[in-house]
C-alpha atoms as a PDB file:
ATOM      1  CA  MET A   1     132.093 -64.156 117.248  1.00  0.00           C
ATOM      2  CA  ALA A   2     135.253 -62.071 117.017  1.00  0.00           C
ATOM      3  CA  VAL A   3     133.373 -58.881 117.861  1.00  0.00           C
ATOM      4  CA  ASP A   4     131.674 -60.572 120.833  1.00  0.00           C
ATOM      5  CA  PHE A   5     135.069 -61.826 122.013  1.00  0.00           C
ATOM      6  CA  ALA A   6     136.550 -58.335 121.716  1.00  0.00           C
ATOM      7  CA  GLU A   7     133.654 -56.876 123.676  1.00  0.00           C
ATOM      8  CA  LYS A   8     134.156 -59.378 126.520  1.00  0.00           C
ATOM      9  CA  VAL A   9     137.912 -58.799 126.676  1.00  0.00           C
ATOM     10  CA  LEU A  10     137.450 -55.024 126.580  1.00  0.00           C
ATOM     11  CA  GLU A  11     134.930 -55.276 129.449  1.00  0.00           C
ATOM     12  CA  GLN A  12     137.594 -57.026 131.517  1.00  0.00           C
ATOM     13  CA  ILE A  13     140.197 -54.409 130.635  1.00  0.00           C
ATOM     14  CA  GLU A  14     137.868 -51.654 131.836  1.00  0.00           C
ATOM     15  CA  ASN A  15     137.968 -53.227 135.316  1.00  0.00           C
ATOM     16  CA  ILE A  16     141.741 -52.825 135.653  1.00  0.00           C
ATOM     17  CA  PRO A  17     142.702 -49.997 138.012  1.00  0.00           C
ATOM     18  CA  PRO A  18     143.805 -46.817 136.233  1.00  0.00           C
ATOM     19  CA  ASN A  19     147.508 -46.322 135.529  1.00  0.00           C
ATOM     20  CA  LYS A  20     148.279 -50.040 135.836  1.00  0.00           C
ATOM     21  CA  HIS A  21     149.834 -51.995 132.997  1.00  0.00           C
ATOM     22  CA  LEU A  22     148.986 -49.280 130.455  1.00  0.00           C
ATOM     23  CA  ARG A  23     151.273 -50.703 127.770  1.00  0.00           C
ATOM     24  CA  LEU A  24     149.846 -54.226 128.108  1.00  0.00           C
ATOM     25  CA  ILE A  25     146.302 -52.887 128.073  1.00  0.00           C
ATOM     26  CA  ALA A  26     146.961 -50.914 124.894  1.00  0.00           C
ATOM     27  CA  GLN A  27     148.557 -53.976 123.301  1.00  0.00           C
ATOM     28  CA  MET A  28     145.607 -56.177 124.266  1.00  0.00           C
ATOM     29  CA  GLU A  29     143.087 -53.638 122.947  1.00  0.00           C
ATOM     30  CA  ALA A  30     144.927 -53.531 119.633  1.00  0.00           C
ATOM     31  CA  ALA A  31     145.241 -57.315 119.352  1.00  0.00           C
ATOM     32  CA  VAL A  32     141.683 -58.206 120.330  1.00  0.00           C
ATOM     33  CA  THR A  33     140.102 -55.644 117.997  1.00  0.00           C
ATOM     34  CA  SER A  34     142.485 -56.650 115.213  1.00  0.00           C
ATOM     35  CA  ILE A  35     140.869 -60.098 115.007  1.00  0.00           C
ATOM     36  CA  ALA A  36     137.513 -58.860 113.712  1.00  0.00           C
ATOM     37  CA  LEU A  37     139.068 -55.981 111.768  1.00  0.00           C
ATOM     38  CA  ASN A  38     141.332 -58.299 109.779  1.00  0.00           C
ATOM     39  CA  ILE A  39     138.461 -60.669 109.008  1.00  0.00           C
ATOM     40  CA  ALA A  40     136.435 -57.713 107.734  1.00  0.00           C
ATOM     41  CA  GLU A  41     139.307 -56.245 105.736  1.00  0.00           C
ATOM     42  CA  GLY A  42     140.075 -59.607 104.164  1.00  0.00           C
ATOM     43  CA  LYS A  43     136.430 -60.104 103.214  1.00  0.00           C
ATOM     44  CA  GLY A  44     136.591 -56.785 101.376  1.00  0.00           C
ATOM     45  CA  ARG A  45     139.459 -57.930  99.175  1.00  0.00           C
ATOM     46  CA  HIS A  46     138.900 -59.075  95.613  1.00  0.00           C
ATOM     47  CA  TYR A  47     140.920 -62.279  95.709  1.00  0.00           C
ATOM     48  CA  LYS A  48     140.581 -65.369  97.900  1.00  0.00           C
ATOM     49  CA  LYS A  49     144.330 -65.488  98.436  1.00  0.00           C
ATOM     50  CA  GLU A  50     144.247 -62.023 100.017  1.00  0.00           C
ATOM     51  CA  PHE A  51     141.286 -62.983 102.230  1.00  0.00           C
ATOM     52  CA  ILE A  52     143.147 -66.094 103.387  1.00  0.00           C
ATOM     53  CA  GLN A  53     146.188 -63.985 104.288  1.00  0.00           C
ATOM     54  CA  PHE A  54     144.040 -61.658 106.393  1.00  0.00           C
ATOM     55  CA  LEU A  55     142.557 -64.708 108.153  1.00  0.00           C
ATOM     56  CA  TYR A  56     146.100 -65.748 109.087  1.00  0.00           C
ATOM     57  CA  VAL A  57     146.732 -62.272 110.479  1.00  0.00           C
ATOM     58  CA  ALA A  58     143.455 -62.460 112.443  1.00  0.00           C
ATOM     59  CA  GLU A  59     144.552 -65.808 113.869  1.00  0.00           C
ATOM     60  CA  GLY A  60     147.880 -64.316 114.908  1.00  0.00           C
ATOM     61  CA  SER A  61     146.046 -61.536 116.735  1.00  0.00           C
ATOM     62  CA  LEU A  62     143.847 -64.149 118.401  1.00  0.00           C
ATOM     63  CA  TYR A  63     146.907 -66.022 119.683  1.00  0.00           C
ATOM     64  CA  GLU A  64     148.452 -62.764 120.845  1.00  0.00           C
ATOM     65  CA  THR A  65     145.283 -61.992 122.801  1.00  0.00           C
ATOM     66  CA  ILE A  66     145.208 -65.486 124.320  1.00  0.00           C
ATOM     67  CA  THR A  67     148.796 -65.053 125.474  1.00  0.00           C
ATOM     68  CA  MET A  68     148.031 -61.703 127.077  1.00  0.00           C
ATOM     69  CA  ILE A  69     144.978 -63.159 128.817  1.00  0.00           C
ATOM     70  CA  GLU A  70     147.288 -65.789 130.310  1.00  0.00           C
ATOM     71  CA  ILE A  71     149.733 -63.107 131.434  1.00  0.00           C
ATOM     72  CA  PHE A  72     146.886 -61.186 133.066  1.00  0.00           C
ATOM     73  CA  ARG A  73     145.719 -64.408 134.751  1.00  0.00           C
ATOM     74  CA  ARG A  74     149.177 -65.075 136.141  1.00  0.00           C
ATOM     75  CA  ARG A  75     149.398 -61.501 137.411  1.00  0.00           C
ATOM     76  CA  LYS A  76     145.970 -62.056 139.055  1.00  0.00           C
ATOM     77  CA  ILE A  77     144.429 -59.239 137.048  1.00  0.00           C
ATOM     78  CA  PHE A  78     141.891 -61.604 135.430  1.00  0.00           C
ATOM     79  CA  ASP A  79     140.356 -64.383 137.506  1.00  0.00           C
ATOM     80  CA  GLU A  80     140.395 -68.067 136.573  1.00  0.00           C
ATOM     81  CA  SER A  81     136.733 -68.328 135.552  1.00  0.00           C
ATOM     82  CA  THR A  82     136.985 -65.282 133.291  1.00  0.00           C
ATOM     83  CA  CYS A  83     140.089 -66.684 131.634  1.00  0.00           C
ATOM     84  CA  LEU A  84     138.442 -70.059 131.116  1.00  0.00           C
ATOM     85  CA  ALA A  85     135.389 -68.443 129.500  1.00  0.00           C
ATOM     86  CA  LEU A  86     137.582 -66.283 127.251  1.00  0.00           C
ATOM     87  CA  ARG A  87     139.695 -69.300 126.328  1.00  0.00           C
ATOM     88  CA  GLU A  88     136.581 -71.242 125.273  1.00  0.00           C
ATOM     89  CA  LEU A  89     135.418 -68.336 123.103  1.00  0.00           C
ATOM     90  CA  SER A  90     138.859 -68.042 121.538  1.00  0.00           C
ATOM     91  CA  GLU A  91     138.915 -71.756 120.692  1.00  0.00           C
ATOM     92  CA  GLY A  92     135.598 -71.372 118.871  1.00  0.00           C
ATOM     93  CA  ILE A  93     136.953 -68.447 116.864  1.00  0.00           C
ATOM     94  CA  ASP A  94     140.087 -70.416 116.034  1.00  0.00           C
ATOM     95  CA  ARG A  95     138.001 -73.336 114.729  1.00  0.00           C
ATOM     96  CA  LYS A  96     135.908 -70.963 112.591  1.00  0.00           C
ATOM     97  CA  LEU A  97     138.991 -69.239 111.172  1.00  0.00           C
ATOM     98  CA  ASN A  98     140.560 -72.595 110.281  1.00  0.00           C
ATOM     99  CA  GLY A  99     137.335 -73.824 108.707  1.00  0.00           C
ATOM    100  CA  LEU A 100     136.876 -70.661 106.665  1.00  0.00           C
ATOM    101  CA  ARG A 101     140.495 -70.735 105.509  1.00  0.00           C
ATOM    102  CA  ASN A 102     140.211 -74.381 104.524  1.00  0.00           C
ATOM    103  CA  SER A 103     136.967 -73.712 102.685  1.00  0.00           C
ATOM    104  CA  LEU A 104     138.468 -70.801 100.759  1.00  0.00           C
ATOM    105  CA  SER A 105     141.557 -72.766  99.814  1.00  0.00           C
ATOM    106  CA  GLY A 106     139.533 -75.822  98.759  1.00  0.00           C
ATOM    107  CA  LYS A 107     140.800 -78.065 101.556  1.00  0.00           C
ATOM    108  CA  HIS A 108     138.259 -80.341 103.164  1.00  0.00           C
ATOM    109  CA  VAL A 109     139.358 -81.673 106.526  1.00  0.00           C
END
């Protein structure tokens, strides 16, 4: 899901005119790819506690991406329907991250 989300966000970034908002674009690229990368890196760790920490980092990157999507929406760089679709995908990822973290830590909600 995180890789699919990154692909969709990156597709939107590619539609931004060249030389516009370069710093924000670079920040969004880093944040959106960081979600899946931190999940993968955490999975490769030997201890559950480390994996859980990487899931928290992935969630932080998800929230960072959501915030930037909102900024791009307000600047009219991303349209409303795109933002809504991306928001729905992000909510699904957030639920999965929370569920996985709870499962790893033995919490049953």
